[in-house]
C-alpha cells in the first residue's frame, strides 16, 4: 500500500494551451518530485513569486486600478473610510475614493443593489422554475443543480467535540477523538481548548471521498509546515480550502508540502507507517496509497490558465437554468449582500470585496475534476455553517462592515486557521486521515486491520462525531449505533454526537410544510416564507415520534447507550443553548440577528442534534 514511485509527466506530455506563466513551466522543469531537495526548490521558487498583497492583515483600500493591474497606482494603505452608500468597500482617504469612483460607481449604483431589483420571473410575469406546475411544494425535491455535486466541506455548524468546561474539566487529559467527515469541527475543537492545555490529542478524520481526504491532508500540511508568523500558513490553507483561484506563490507552497509528504511516503518500508512531523509536537498519517497521491499530485501540479477553471466553474455556478433559484435567494437579501453574494458566485474568491485580485491567477485544481468540471453544486458557499455573528465581528475588528460579508468571512477564517496552526505547533496532536466508508473504518478498527496506523482492536474513543450518518438511510440510526457503540470508551463524559438533517421530510409533522396536507403554495414568496416558519416550529414531539418509529429505545438498550436528556456538547437545535431542554426554540438577539441566520444561511431549521452516552 505504501510502496512505489511517483513520476510527474514531462513538459511534452502536458496538453497545449495549459501553461499559466513561463515561471511555472521553468519551475516544473527544475523541480522533480523524486528529488530529495524537491520541497526546498519549490519553496525557493515560491519566494520569487511571493504575493505582494495577500495575506490581508487589515481591510485594504479599494483604490485598485482598472483590470486590477498591480502597479504604482494601487494604494497599499488600510481602508478606514467606507463607501457611505454600499459599505462594501473602504478607502484610506477621500482622494483615493474620488480616484476610484469611476470604477466603483458601476457596482455601487448597479441594478443588483437597487431597491427596485426584482427577480426575473416577476419581471417576466411568469411562475418561477422552482415551483412545480401543480403549485404544491414537495420538500423531498432536492434544491441542488443538475447532479447535486460533491460536498467538499460540511455546511452545518462545526462542533467543539470536547467542550472541556462542561465535561472532563481536566487540562491534562489525553483524548482519542473520531470525526467522520468534518475538518471544520476538528479546528473548532482544537481552537476551543484552553491555551494551557497539556494533554495529547489523537484525532481520526475520515471521509469516504478520497479528494476530501487529500484536501484535508494538504490543509493540515500547510498549517503545520509553512510559516505562521507572517500569516502564510493560514492564508494558503484558507484559499486552498475555499477559493476558486490562488496566488501562484500559494499554489507552489501547497504543492511543496504535498510533495514532501509524498517523498516521505515513498521512503516508507515494511508494514508499519511512520508519522510525518507537523512542527515540533504534532504528526500526521494518511491511509492514502501512493497511486492515489500520485493522481492528486499530478492533478495539483498541472499548470493551467485561469480560463480553464473559470469555464468549469461558470458551467455550474452561472447555469441559466438556475436563474430563478438564485432569484429566490437574492429576493430576501439586503442590497449590498445581494451584490456580495453575486460577486462570490461569479468569481469564487474568499476575499474582502475591494481587495486586489490580480495575483489570484492559479486555478485551485482540488475543486475540479481532471476534465475541468466543478465538483460542487451551484449554491454551496464557505459562509454556510459558521457563526455569522462571530464572522461579522472578526470583519469589523479588521475594518470591514457587515455588508462585505465575504470580506468578514476572510478575516474570520484567517483568524481561526491562524489559531489552529499555532495550536498544531504548540499542542501534541496526532492526526490520522482515512478515506473509508464509515462502516469500513469502524469494522477495520474492531478487526485489528489498522495496526500499521496504530489503531488496534482495543482502540476506544472519548468522543465520536458521526455528523449526518444518522440520516443516510432508513436504518441510519441502527447502523451508526451498531458500528460505533463498541468503540466508545466506558466513561461518563464519553459521547457519540450527530445530527438528523432530513428527518423532517420523512416524518409527518416534522416540518411546518408537511404538518398539514392541505397546505398549498400559491406564491413564490409564500413558498420561501413557509420554509422560514420552521424556525419557530416546535418539533421535539414529532422528532421523538420519529425516533420511536425507528425503535431507538430498543437499539439503545442493545448497544448499552442512552440519549442524553441534557446535552453537554451541542444544543438540541440550531441557535439553542447547549443545556437547553429539547423543546427549546431558537432565539435571536434582534432583527439583524434574525436576518443574518435566516437569510444569509440555508438551513432547513428542522435539524436536530443528539448526544449518546454510556448507560
Foldseek 3Di string as FASTA:
>chain_A
DLADDFWADQPVPFDPQFFADVLLNVLPVVATLLDPCNLVSLLVSLVVLDDPDPPPPFAQALLADPPLDDDPRGDGHHFFAADPQQLLGGHPDPVSCVNCCVVCVCVSPDLLLDPPNAAPCVVVVHAFPVADPVQADQVVDDPFPPVFFDDLADQAAAFLQCLCVLFVVDLAAEFEEEEEGHVVNVLVNLLPRDPSRAYEYEYEYEAQDLLSLVLVVLLLLLLQPPDLVVLLSLRLSVCLSFFQFDQVSSLSNSLSSLSNVLNQSNPDDDLADDWDDRADAETEAEPDYSVSSSVVSNLSSRRGWQVLQLVQLCVFQVPVSCSSVLSLLSVLDNSLLSSLQVVCSNGRGLARPSDRCPSRITGSSSQADSNSHGRHTNPDHPVRNYDQVLLQVQNVVSNGHVSRSSNSNSSSSSVSSSSSSVSNNVYRYYYYYYNNDLLVVLVCLCVQVVVSVVRHNPAAGQEYEPEQQCAPDLLSVLSCLVRRLVRHDQDFNRKYKYKHACLLSVFAVLAQSRVDPVDGRDHSVCVLVRLVCLLVRQRLVSVVVSCVVSVVVVSCVVSQKDWDQAASIDCQFPQDDRRDGNRDGHDADDPVRSCCVSSVYDGSRSMTMIIMHGD
